């Protein structure tokens, strides 16, 4: 049975330990990047949800105000603020879409 020099065994053992630590560091680095990308995607989805809900709310409000105006045959001052809210919500959502498109193009 061959005898392994204790000094060589110590160097080999240290090399394996160092290699294992390097592999763990690489895996942790990749996981960290994945978590960061996932967090950024979650933040963009949250922003899109808020903007979408604002757009739906403005649309609903404008629909109700329009229906009331049609039923009563005149507006009672609520149509212009509802129109402005809908325009603002639409502009905010359009800006978000442009930002997302620019983000997607920048990734290519």
PDB file of N, CA and C in Angstrom:
ATOM      1  N   UNK A   1       0.845  -1.177   0.000  1.00  0.00           N
ATOM      2  CA  UNK A   1       0.000   0.000   0.000  1.00  0.00           C
ATOM      3  C   UNK A   1       0.888   1.237   0.000  1.00  0.00           C
ATOM      4  N   UNK A   2       0.631   2.163  -0.968  1.00  0.00           N
ATOM      5  CA  UNK A   2       1.479   3.350  -1.039  1.00  0.00           C
ATOM      6  C   UNK A   2       1.227   4.282   0.137  1.00  0.00           C
ATOM      7  N   UNK A   3       2.264   4.889   0.582  1.00  0.00           N
ATOM      8  CA  UNK A   3       2.175   5.840   1.691  1.00  0.00           C
ATOM      9  C   UNK A   3       2.188   7.249   1.097  1.00  0.00           C
ATOM     10  N   UNK A   4       1.240   8.055   1.539  1.00  0.00           N
ATOM     11  CA  UNK A   4       1.138   9.429   1.044  1.00  0.00           C
ATOM     12  C   UNK A   4       1.852  10.340   2.041  1.00  0.00           C
ATOM     13  N   UNK A   5       2.711  11.149   1.507  1.00  0.00           N
ATOM     14  CA  UNK A   5       3.452  12.099   2.334  1.00  0.00           C
ATOM     15  C   UNK A   5       2.451  13.040   3.002  1.00  0.00           C
ATOM     16  N   UNK A   6       2.525  13.255   4.307  1.00  0.00           N
ATOM     17  CA  UNK A   6       1.587  14.143   5.008  1.00  0.00           C
ATOM     18  C   UNK A   6       1.582  15.567   4.455  1.00  0.00           C
ATOM     19  N   UNK A   7       2.701  16.047   3.988  1.00  0.00           N
ATOM     20  CA  UNK A   7       2.760  17.394   3.406  1.00  0.00           C
ATOM     21  C   UNK A   7       1.969  17.478   2.121  1.00  0.00           C
ATOM     22  N   UNK A   8       2.069  16.456   1.278  1.00  0.00           N
ATOM     23  CA  UNK A   8       1.322  16.417   0.019  1.00  0.00           C
ATOM     24  C   UNK A   8      -0.169  16.281   0.313  1.00  0.00           C
ATOM     25  N   UNK A   9      -0.482  15.408   1.266  1.00  0.00           N
ATOM     26  CA  UNK A   9      -1.889  15.223   1.638  1.00  0.00           C
ATOM     27  C   UNK A   9      -2.490  16.531   2.138  1.00  0.00           C
ATOM     28  N   UNK A  10      -1.728  17.279   2.894  1.00  0.00           N
ATOM     29  CA  UNK A  10      -2.198  18.556   3.418  1.00  0.00           C
ATOM     30  C   UNK A  10      -2.433  19.546   2.274  1.00  0.00           C
ATOM     31  N   UNK A  11      -1.539  19.593   1.299  1.00  0.00           N
ATOM     32  CA  UNK A  11      -1.680  20.499   0.163  1.00  0.00           C
ATOM     33  C   UNK A  11      -2.885  20.105  -0.688  1.00  0.00           C
ATOM     34  N   UNK A  12      -3.047  18.805  -0.929  1.00  0.00           N
ATOM     35  CA  UNK A  12      -4.183  18.328  -1.719  1.00  0.00           C
ATOM     36  C   UNK A  12      -5.486  18.637  -1.003  1.00  0.00           C
ATOM     37  N   UNK A  13      -5.505  18.405   0.293  1.00  0.00           N
ATOM     38  CA  UNK A  13      -6.706  18.694   1.084  1.00  0.00           C
ATOM     39  C   UNK A  13      -7.043  20.188   1.039  1.00  0.00           C
ATOM     40  N   UNK A  14      -6.037  21.025   1.187  1.00  0.00           N
ATOM     41  CA  UNK A  14      -6.256  22.474   1.132  1.00  0.00           C
ATOM     42  C   UNK A  14      -6.732  22.895  -0.257  1.00  0.00           C
ATOM     43  N   UNK A  15      -6.199  22.268  -1.305  1.00  0.00           N
ATOM     44  CA  UNK A  15      -6.607  22.599  -2.666  1.00  0.00           C
ATOM     45  C   UNK A  15      -8.074  22.246  -2.894  1.00  0.00           C
ATOM     46  N   UNK A  16      -8.490  21.062  -2.400  1.00  0.00           N
ATOM     47  CA  UNK A  16      -9.899  20.672  -2.524  1.00  0.00           C
ATOM     48  C   UNK A  16     -10.803  21.634  -1.749  1.00  0.00           C
ATOM     49  N   UNK A  17     -10.385  22.025  -0.567  1.00  0.00           N
ATOM     50  CA  UNK A  17     -11.176  22.966   0.237  1.00  0.00           C
ATOM     51  C   UNK A  17     -11.286  24.313  -0.477  1.00  0.00           C
ATOM     52  N   UNK A  18     -10.178  24.775  -1.053  1.00  0.00           N
ATOM     53  CA  UNK A  18     -10.196  26.052  -1.774  1.00  0.00           C
ATOM     54  C   UNK A  18     -11.086  25.961  -2.999  1.00  0.00           C
ATOM     55  N   UNK A  19     -11.004  24.851  -3.722  1.00  0.00           N
ATOM     56  CA  UNK A  19     -11.841  24.659  -4.902  1.00  0.00           C
ATOM     57  C   UNK A  19     -13.322  24.657  -4.512  1.00  0.00           C
ATOM     58  N   UNK A  20     -13.643  23.982  -3.418  1.00  0.00           N
ATOM     59  CA  UNK A  20     -15.030  23.953  -2.954  1.00  0.00           C
ATOM     60  C   UNK A  20     -15.512  25.359  -2.587  1.00  0.00           C
ATOM     61  N   UNK A  21     -14.652  26.133  -1.940  1.00  0.00           N
ATOM     62  CA  UNK A  21     -15.037  27.501  -1.562  1.00  0.00           C
ATOM     63  C   UNK A  21     -15.245  28.368  -2.798  1.00  0.00           C
ATOM     64  N   UNK A  22     -14.408  28.179  -3.806  1.00  0.00           N
ATOM     65  CA  UNK A  22     -14.563  28.948  -5.046  1.00  0.00           C
ATOM     66  C   UNK A  22     -15.876  28.594  -5.726  1.00  0.00           C
ATOM     67  N   UNK A  23     -16.198  27.314  -5.769  1.00  0.00           N
ATOM     68  CA  UNK A  23     -17.462  26.882  -6.387  1.00  0.00           C
ATOM     69  C   UNK A  23     -18.645  27.457  -5.628  1.00  0.00           C
ATOM     70  N   UNK A  24     -18.593  27.423  -4.305  1.00  0.00           N
ATOM     71  CA  UNK A  24     -19.682  27.988  -3.496  1.00  0.00           C
ATOM     72  C   UNK A  24     -19.803  29.495  -3.745  1.00  0.00           C
ATOM     73  N   UNK A  25     -18.678  30.183  -3.855  1.00  0.00           N
ATOM     74  CA  UNK A  25     -18.708  31.631  -4.111  1.00  0.00           C
ATOM     75  C   UNK A  25     -19.330  31.934  -5.469  1.00  0.00           C
ATOM     76  N   UNK A  26     -18.992  31.138  -6.478  1.00  0.00           N
ATOM     77  CA  UNK A  26     -19.571  31.342  -7.808  1.00  0.00           C
ATOM     78  C   UNK A  26     -21.075  31.109  -7.778  1.00  0.00           C
ATOM     79  N   UNK A  27     -21.492  30.034  -7.127  1.00  0.00           N
ATOM     80  CA  UNK A  27     -22.927  29.741  -7.022  1.00  0.00           C
ATOM     81  C   UNK A  27     -23.650  30.861  -6.286  1.00  0.00           C
ATOM     82  N   UNK A  28     -23.084  31.336  -5.186  1.00  0.00           N
ATOM     83  CA  UNK A  28     -23.711  32.415  -4.417  1.00  0.00           C
ATOM     84  C   UNK A  28     -23.784  33.694  -5.236  1.00  0.00           C
ATOM     85  N   UNK A  29     -22.749  33.986  -6.004  1.00  0.00           N
ATOM     86  CA  UNK A  29     -22.759  35.177  -6.865  1.00  0.00           C
ATOM     87  C   UNK A  29     -23.884  35.081  -7.895  1.00  0.00           C
ATOM     88  N   UNK A  30     -24.023  33.927  -8.526  1.00  0.00           N
ATOM     89  CA  UNK A  30     -25.093  33.736  -9.516  1.00  0.00           C
ATOM     90  C   UNK A  30     -26.467  33.837  -8.861  1.00  0.00           C
ATOM     91  N   UNK A  31     -26.614  33.243  -7.686  1.00  0.00           N
ATOM     92  CA  UNK A  31     -27.894  33.330  -6.969  1.00  0.00           C
ATOM     93  C   UNK A  31     -28.217  34.766  -6.592  1.00  0.00           C
ATOM     94  N   UNK A  32     -27.201  35.515  -6.208  1.00  0.00           N
ATOM     95  CA  UNK A  32     -27.399  36.920  -5.848  1.00  0.00           C
ATOM     96  C   UNK A  32     -27.884  37.725  -7.050  1.00  0.00           C
ATOM     97  N   UNK A  33     -27.276  37.490  -8.219  1.00  0.00           N
ATOM     98  CA  UNK A  33     -27.717  38.179  -9.434  1.00  0.00           C
ATOM     99  C   UNK A  33     -29.150  37.791  -9.787  1.00  0.00           C
ATOM    100  N   UNK A  34     -29.488  36.500  -9.635  1.00  0.00           N
ATOM    101  CA  UNK A  34     -30.849  36.044  -9.926  1.00  0.00           C
ATOM    102  C   UNK A  34     -31.858  36.695  -8.984  1.00  0.00           C
ATOM    103  N   UNK A  35     -31.504  36.785  -7.692  1.00  0.00           N
ATOM    104  CA  UNK A  35     -32.410  37.429  -6.728  1.00  0.00           C
ATOM    105  C   UNK A  35     -32.608  38.899  -7.068  1.00  0.00           C
ATOM    106  N   UNK A  36     -31.535  39.565  -7.476  1.00  0.00           N
ATOM    107  CA  UNK A  36     -31.629  40.987  -7.827  1.00  0.00           C
ATOM    108  C   UNK A  36     -32.532  41.173  -9.040  1.00  0.00           C
ATOM    109  N   UNK A  37     -32.361  40.334 -10.070  1.00  0.00           N
ATOM    110  CA  UNK A  37     -33.220  40.430 -11.256  1.00  0.00           C
ATOM    111  C   UNK A  37     -34.672  40.134 -10.904  1.00  0.00           C
ATOM    112  N   UNK A  38     -34.893  39.143 -10.049  1.00  0.00           N
ATOM    113  CA  UNK A  38     -36.261  38.807  -9.641  1.00  0.00           C
ATOM    114  C   UNK A  38     -36.887  39.973  -8.881  1.00  0.00           C
ATOM    115  N   UNK A  39     -36.109  40.623  -8.025  1.00  0.00           N
ATOM    116  CA  UNK A  39     -36.614  41.771  -7.270  1.00  0.00           C
ATOM    117  C   UNK A  39     -36.968  42.921  -8.212  1.00  0.00           C
ATOM    118  N   UNK A  40     -36.110  43.167  -9.210  1.00  0.00           N
ATOM    119  CA  UNK A  40     -36.391  44.230 -10.176  1.00  0.00           C
ATOM    120  C   UNK A  40     -37.652  43.925 -10.980  1.00  0.00           C
ATOM    121  N   UNK A  41     -37.824  42.665 -11.386  1.00  0.00           N
ATOM    122  CA  UNK A  41     -39.044  42.284 -12.117  1.00  0.00           C
ATOM    123  C   UNK A  41     -40.275  42.465 -11.243  1.00  0.00           C
ATOM    124  N   UNK A  42     -40.170  42.087  -9.979  1.00  0.00           N
ATOM    125  CA  UNK A  42     -41.304  42.238  -9.058  1.00  0.00           C
ATOM    126  C   UNK A  42     -41.666  43.715  -8.889  1.00  0.00           C
ATOM    127  N   UNK A  43     -40.657  44.568  -8.813  1.00  0.00           N
ATOM    128  CA  UNK A  43     -40.929  46.005  -8.670  1.00  0.00           C
ATOM    129  C   UNK A  43     -41.596  46.565  -9.924  1.00  0.00           C
ATOM    130  N   UNK A  44     -41.150  46.097 -11.102  1.00  0.00           N
ATOM    131  CA  UNK A  44     -41.795  46.563 -12.345  1.00  0.00           C
ATOM    132  C   UNK A  44     -43.225  46.056 -12.436  1.00  0.00           C
ATOM    133  N   UNK A  45     -43.463  44.805 -12.028  1.00  0.00           N
ATOM    134  CA  UNK A  45     -44.835  44.268 -12.043  1.00  0.00           C
ATOM    135  C   UNK A  45     -45.722  45.040 -11.074  1.00  0.00           C
ATOM    136  N   UNK A  46     -45.178  45.394  -9.905  1.00  0.00           N
ATOM    137  CA  UNK A  46     -45.951  46.164  -8.928  1.00  0.00           C
ATOM    138  C   UNK A  46     -46.326  47.535  -9.492  1.00  0.00           C
ATOM    139  N   UNK A  47     -45.366  48.189 -10.143  1.00  0.00           N
ATOM    140  CA  UNK A  47     -45.642  49.505 -10.728  1.00  0.00           C
ATOM    141  C   UNK A  47     -46.702  49.380 -11.818  1.00  0.00           C
ATOM    142  N   UNK A  48     -46.573  48.357 -12.661  1.00  0.00           N
ATOM    143  CA  UNK A  48     -47.549  48.151 -13.730  1.00  0.00           C
ATOM    144  C   UNK A  48     -48.934  47.907 -13.140  1.00  0.00           C
ATOM    145  N   UNK A  49     -49.008  47.145 -12.063  1.00  0.00           N
ATOM    146  CA  UNK A  49     -50.310  46.867 -11.428  1.00  0.00           C
ATOM    147  C   UNK A  49     -50.938  48.146 -10.890  1.00  0.00           C
ATOM    148  N   UNK A  50     -50.120  48.971 -10.222  1.00  0.00           N
ATOM    149  CA  UNK A  50     -50.657  50.228  -9.690  1.00  0.00           C
ATOM    150  C   UNK A  50     -51.156  51.131 -10.810  1.00  0.00           C
ATOM    151  N   UNK A  51     -50.370  51.250 -11.873  1.00  0.00           N
ATOM    152  CA  UNK A  51     -50.780  52.086 -12.998  1.00  0.00           C
ATOM    153  C   UNK A  51     -52.015  51.529 -13.691  1.00  0.00           C
ATOM    154  N   UNK A  52     -52.078  50.231 -13.831  1.00  0.00           N
ATOM    155  CA  UNK A  52     -53.233  49.592 -14.461  1.00  0.00           C
ATOM    156  C   UNK A  52     -54.495  49.810 -13.631  1.00  0.00           C
ATOM    157  N   UNK A  53     -54.371  49.677 -12.320  1.00  0.00           N
ATOM    158  CA  UNK A  53     -55.530  49.920 -11.456  1.00  0.00           C
ATOM    159  C   UNK A  53     -55.980  51.370 -11.531  1.00  0.00           C
ATOM    160  N   UNK A  54     -55.019  52.309 -11.597  1.00  0.00           N
ATOM    161  CA  UNK A  54     -55.364  53.722 -11.745  1.00  0.00           C
ATOM    162  C   UNK A  54     -56.084  53.982 -13.057  1.00  0.00           C
ATOM    163  N   UNK A  55     -55.615  53.323 -14.110  1.00  0.00           N
ATOM    164  CA  UNK A  55     -56.247  53.467 -15.423  1.00  0.00           C
ATOM    165  C   UNK A  55     -57.673  52.904 -15.402  1.00  0.00           C
ATOM    166  N   UNK A  56     -57.852  51.755 -14.788  1.00  0.00           N
ATOM    167  CA  UNK A  56     -59.197  51.172 -14.691  1.00  0.00           C
ATOM    168  C   UNK A  56     -60.123  52.035 -13.842  1.00  0.00           C
ATOM    169  N   UNK A  57     -59.593  52.569 -12.752  1.00  0.00           N
ATOM    170  CA  UNK A  57     -60.401  53.433 -11.892  1.00  0.00           C
ATOM    171  C   UNK A  57     -60.836  54.695 -12.640  1.00  0.00           C
ATOM    172  N   UNK A  58     -59.904  55.306 -13.364  1.00  0.00           N
ATOM    173  CA  UNK A  58     -60.234  56.513 -14.130  1.00  0.00           C
ATOM    174  C   UNK A  58     -61.253  56.201 -15.220  1.00  0.00           C
ATOM    175  N   UNK A  59     -61.098  55.069 -15.872  1.00  0.00           N
ATOM    176  CA  UNK A  59     -62.037  54.663 -16.912  1.00  0.00           C
ATOM    177  C   UNK A  59     -63.430  54.440 -16.331  1.00  0.00           C
ATOM    178  N   UNK A  60     -63.469  53.775 -15.190  1.00  0.00           N
ATOM    179  CA  UNK A  60     -64.761  53.524 -14.543  1.00  0.00           C
ATOM    180  C   UNK A  60     -65.431  54.845 -14.129  1.00  0.00           C
ATOM    181  N   UNK A  61     -64.646  55.721 -13.536  1.00  0.00           N
ATOM    182  CA  UNK A  61     -65.188  57.012 -13.110  1.00  0.00           C
ATOM    183  C   UNK A  61     -65.711  57.797 -14.307  1.00  0.00           C
ATOM    184  N   UNK A  62     -64.962  57.811 -15.385  1.00  0.00           N
ATOM    185  CA  UNK A  62     -65.391  58.518 -16.594  1.00  0.00           C
ATOM    186  C   UNK A  62     -66.663  57.891 -17.164  1.00  0.00           C
ATOM    187  N   UNK A  63     -66.762  56.579 -17.120  1.00  0.00           N
ATOM    188  CA  UNK A  63     -67.967  55.898 -17.615  1.00  0.00           C
ATOM    189  C   UNK A  63     -69.186  56.270 -16.790  1.00  0.00           C
ATOM    190  N   UNK A  64     -69.029  56.286 -15.483  1.00  0.00           N
ATOM    191  CA  UNK A  64     -70.156  56.627 -14.598  1.00  0.00           C
ATOM    192  C   UNK A  64     -70.578  58.083 -14.829  1.00  0.00           C
ATOM    193  N   UNK A  65     -69.615  58.984 -14.885  1.00  0.00           N
ATOM    194  CA  UNK A  65     -69.932  60.398 -15.096  1.00  0.00           C
ATOM    195  C   UNK A  65     -70.614  60.596 -16.443  1.00  0.00           C
ATOM    196  N   UNK A  66     -70.137  59.891 -17.469  1.00  0.00           N
ATOM    197  CA  UNK A  66     -70.744  59.993 -18.794  1.00  0.00           C
ATOM    198  C   UNK A  66     -72.176  59.459 -18.781  1.00  0.00           C
ATOM    199  N   UNK A  67     -72.375  58.323 -18.107  1.00  0.00           N
ATOM    200  CA  UNK A  67     -73.720  57.737 -18.022  1.00  0.00           C
ATOM    201  C   UNK A  67     -74.674  58.678 -17.299  1.00  0.00           C
ATOM    202  N   UNK A  68     -74.220  59.280 -16.218  1.00  0.00           N
ATOM    203  CA  UNK A  68     -75.069  60.217 -15.474  1.00  0.00           C
ATOM    204  C   UNK A  68     -75.383  61.430 -16.341  1.00  0.00           C
ATOM    205  N   UNK A  69     -74.385  61.932 -17.052  1.00  0.00           N
ATOM    206  CA  UNK A  69     -74.605  63.099 -17.928  1.00  0.00           C
ATOM    207  C   UNK A  69     -75.597  62.773 -19.030  1.00  0.00           C
ATOM    208  N   UNK A  70     -75.499  61.570 -19.585  1.00  0.00           N
ATOM    209  CA  UNK A  70     -76.448  61.185 -20.634  1.00  0.00           C
ATOM    210  C   UNK A  70     -77.853  61.027 -20.063  1.00  0.00           C
ATOM    211  N   UNK A  71     -77.952  60.453 -18.878  1.00  0.00           N
ATOM    212  CA  UNK A  71     -79.258  60.247 -18.257  1.00  0.00           C
ATOM    213  C   UNK A  71     -79.931  61.579 -17.928  1.00  0.00           C
ATOM    214  N   UNK A  72     -79.128  62.523 -17.407  1.00  0.00           N
ATOM    215  CA  UNK A  72     -79.698  63.798 -16.988  1.00  0.00           C
ATOM    216  C   UNK A  72     -79.733  64.833 -18.117  1.00  0.00           C
ATOM    217  N   UNK A  73     -79.060  64.521 -19.224  1.00  0.00           N
ATOM    218  CA  UNK A  73     -79.091  65.427 -20.363  1.00  0.00           C
ATOM    219  C   UNK A  73     -78.131  66.595 -20.253  1.00  0.00           C
ATOM    220  N   UNK A  74     -77.310  66.626 -19.207  1.00  0.00           N
ATOM    221  CA  UNK A  74     -76.314  67.698 -19.064  1.00  0.00           C
ATOM    222  C   UNK A  74     -75.214  67.231 -18.108  1.00  0.00           C
ATOM    223  N   UNK A  75     -74.084  67.926 -18.166  1.00  0.00           N
ATOM    224  CA  UNK A  75     -73.010  67.601 -17.225  1.00  0.00           C
ATOM    225  C   UNK A  75     -73.169  68.472 -15.997  1.00  0.00           C
ATOM    226  N   UNK A  76     -72.693  67.989 -14.889  1.00  0.00           N
ATOM    227  CA  UNK A  76     -72.827  68.758 -13.649  1.00  0.00           C
ATOM    228  C   UNK A  76     -71.455  69.156 -13.097  1.00  0.00           C
ATOM    229  N   UNK A  77     -70.476  69.305 -13.987  1.00  0.00           N
ATOM    230  CA  UNK A  77     -69.147  69.730 -13.547  1.00  0.00           C
ATOM    231  C   UNK A  77     -68.207  68.585 -13.212  1.00  0.00           C
ATOM    232  N   UNK A  78     -68.672  67.362 -13.299  1.00  0.00           N
ATOM    233  CA  UNK A  78     -67.812  66.235 -12.958  1.00  0.00           C
ATOM    234  C   UNK A  78     -67.139  65.612 -14.177  1.00  0.00           C
ATOM    235  N   UNK A  79     -67.594  65.988 -15.355  1.00  0.00           N
ATOM    236  CA  UNK A  79     -67.042  65.378 -16.565  1.00  0.00           C
ATOM    237  C   UNK A  79     -65.594  65.807 -16.814  1.00  0.00           C
ATOM    238  N   UNK A  80     -65.294  67.086 -16.712  1.00  0.00           N
ATOM    239  CA  UNK A  80     -63.925  67.561 -16.975  1.00  0.00           C
ATOM    240  C   UNK A  80     -62.906  66.959 -16.010  1.00  0.00           C
ATOM    241  N   UNK A  81     -63.168  66.944 -14.689  1.00  0.00           N
ATOM    242  CA  UNK A  81     -62.185  66.306 -13.802  1.00  0.00           C
ATOM    243  C   UNK A  81     -62.000  64.816 -14.105  1.00  0.00           C
ATOM    244  N   UNK A  82     -63.077  64.131 -14.472  1.00  0.00           N
ATOM    245  CA  UNK A  82     -62.973  62.704 -14.809  1.00  0.00           C
ATOM    246  C   UNK A  82     -62.174  62.520 -16.090  1.00  0.00           C
ATOM    247  N   UNK A  83     -62.393  63.391 -17.071  1.00  0.00           N
ATOM    248  CA  UNK A  83     -61.613  63.336 -18.315  1.00  0.00           C
ATOM    249  C   UNK A  83     -60.128  63.583 -18.035  1.00  0.00           C
ATOM    250  N   UNK A  84     -59.842  64.567 -17.198  1.00  0.00           N
ATOM    251  CA  UNK A  84     -58.447  64.881 -16.874  1.00  0.00           C
ATOM    252  C   UNK A  84     -57.789  63.707 -16.140  1.00  0.00           C
ATOM    253  N   UNK A  85     -58.528  63.090 -15.233  1.00  0.00           N
ATOM    254  CA  UNK A  85     -57.992  61.935 -14.507  1.00  0.00           C
ATOM    255  C   UNK A  85     -57.693  60.790 -15.477  1.00  0.00           C
ATOM    256  N   UNK A  86     -58.585  60.568 -16.429  1.00  0.00           N
ATOM    257  CA  UNK A  86     -58.384  59.501 -17.415  1.00  0.00           C
ATOM    258  C   UNK A  86     -57.180  59.818 -18.305  1.00  0.00           C
ATOM    259  N   UNK A  87     -57.050  61.062 -18.725  1.00  0.00           N
ATOM    260  CA  UNK A  87     -55.898  61.448 -19.559  1.00  0.00           C
ATOM    261  C   UNK A  87     -54.580  61.268 -18.793  1.00  0.00           C
ATOM    262  N   UNK A  88     -54.585  61.679 -17.541  1.00  0.00           N
ATOM    263  CA  UNK A  88     -53.380  61.556 -16.718  1.00  0.00           C
ATOM    264  C   UNK A  88     -53.004  60.085 -16.502  1.00  0.00           C
ATOM    265  N   UNK A  89     -53.995  59.264 -16.203  1.00  0.00           N
ATOM    266  CA  UNK A  89     -53.740  57.841 -16.006  1.00  0.00           C
ATOM    267  C   UNK A  89     -53.213  57.206 -17.290  1.00  0.00           C
ATOM    268  N   UNK A  90     -53.789  57.586 -18.409  1.00  0.00           N
ATOM    269  CA  UNK A  90     -53.348  57.049 -19.692  1.00  0.00           C
ATOM    270  C   UNK A  90     -51.915  57.509 -20.006  1.00  0.00           C
ATOM    271  N   UNK A  91     -51.600  58.748 -19.720  1.00  0.00           N
ATOM    272  CA  UNK A  91     -50.252  59.261 -19.960  1.00  0.00           C
ATOM    273  C   UNK A  91     -49.230  58.542 -19.071  1.00  0.00           C
ATOM    274  N   UNK A  92     -49.588  58.329 -17.804  1.00  0.00           N
ATOM    275  CA  UNK A  92     -48.691  57.623 -16.891  1.00  0.00           C
ATOM    276  C   UNK A  92     -48.438  56.188 -17.368  1.00  0.00           C
ATOM    277  N   UNK A  93     -49.495  55.542 -17.814  1.00  0.00           N
ATOM    278  CA  UNK A  93     -49.351  54.154 -18.283  1.00  0.00           C
ATOM    279  C   UNK A  93     -48.523  54.109 -19.568  1.00  0.00           C
ATOM    280  N   UNK A  94     -48.750  55.058 -20.463  1.00  0.00           N
ATOM    281  CA  UNK A  94     -47.969  55.119 -21.706  1.00  0.00           C
ATOM    282  C   UNK A  94     -46.498  55.370 -21.416  1.00  0.00           C
ATOM    283  N   UNK A  95     -46.210  56.231 -20.458  1.00  0.00           N
ATOM    284  CA  UNK A  95     -44.820  56.497 -20.070  1.00  0.00           C
ATOM    285  C   UNK A  95     -44.175  55.229 -19.516  1.00  0.00           C
ATOM    286  N   UNK A  96     -44.926  54.489 -18.701  1.00  0.00           N
ATOM    287  CA  UNK A  96     -44.418  53.228 -18.162  1.00  0.00           C
ATOM    288  C   UNK A  96     -44.103  52.251 -19.292  1.00  0.00           C
ATOM    289  N   UNK A  97     -44.999  52.156 -20.269  1.00  0.00           N
ATOM    290  CA  UNK A  97     -44.767  51.250 -21.392  1.00  0.00           C
ATOM    291  C   UNK A  97     -43.526  51.654 -22.188  1.00  0.00           C
ATOM    292  N   UNK A  98     -43.330  52.958 -22.385  1.00  0.00           N
ATOM    293  CA  UNK A  98     -42.120  53.416 -23.075  1.00  0.00           C
ATOM    294  C   UNK A  98     -40.865  53.055 -22.284  1.00  0.00           C
ATOM    295  N   UNK A  99     -40.927  53.249 -20.961  1.00  0.00           N
ATOM    296  CA  UNK A  99     -39.785  52.891 -20.114  1.00  0.00           C
ATOM    297  C   UNK A  99     -39.480  51.404 -20.194  1.00  0.00           C
ATOM    298  N   UNK A 100     -40.528  50.584 -20.182  1.00  0.00           N
ATOM    299  CA  UNK A 100     -40.338  49.128 -20.266  1.00  0.00           C
ATOM    300  C   UNK A 100     -39.771  48.733 -21.623  1.00  0.00           C
ATOM    301  N   UNK A 101     -40.229  49.381 -22.678  1.00  0.00           N
ATOM    302  CA  UNK A 101     -39.693  49.083 -24.011  1.00  0.00           C
ATOM    303  C   UNK A 101     -38.217  49.473 -24.075  1.00  0.00           C
ATOM    304  N   UNK A 102     -37.874  50.621 -23.527  1.00  0.00           N
ATOM    305  CA  UNK A 102     -36.476  51.052 -23.521  1.00  0.00           C
ATOM    306  C   UNK A 102     -35.621  50.080 -22.688  1.00  0.00           C
ATOM    307  N   UNK A 103     -36.172  49.632 -21.581  1.00  0.00           N
ATOM    308  CA  UNK A 103     -35.466  48.660 -20.727  1.00  0.00           C
ATOM    309  C   UNK A 103     -35.231  47.358 -21.482  1.00  0.00           C
ATOM    310  N   UNK A 104     -36.236  46.909 -22.228  1.00  0.00           N
ATOM    311  CA  UNK A 104     -36.107  45.663 -22.985  1.00  0.00           C
ATOM    312  C   UNK A 104     -35.087  45.815 -24.104  1.00  0.00           C
ATOM    313  N   UNK A 105     -35.082  46.952 -24.785  1.00  0.00           N
ATOM    314  CA  UNK A 105     -34.119  47.187 -25.865  1.00  0.00           C
ATOM    315  C   UNK A 105     -32.709  47.277 -25.294  1.00  0.00           C
ATOM    316  N   UNK A 106     -32.563  47.899 -24.140  1.00  0.00           N
ATOM    317  CA  UNK A 106     -31.238  48.058 -23.534  1.00  0.00           C
ATOM    318  C   UNK A 106     -30.642  46.712 -23.133  1.00  0.00           C
ATOM    319  N   UNK A 107     -31.488  45.729 -22.861  1.00  0.00           N
ATOM    320  CA  UNK A 107     -31.003  44.416 -22.464  1.00  0.00           C
ATOM    321  C   UNK A 107     -30.447  43.614 -23.634  1.00  0.00           C
ATOM    322  N   UNK A 108     -30.819  43.988 -24.854  1.00  0.00           N
ATOM    323  CA  UNK A 108     -30.397  43.225 -26.047  1.00  0.00           C
ATOM    324  C   UNK A 108     -28.946  43.456 -26.351  1.00  0.00           C
TER     325      UNK A 108
END
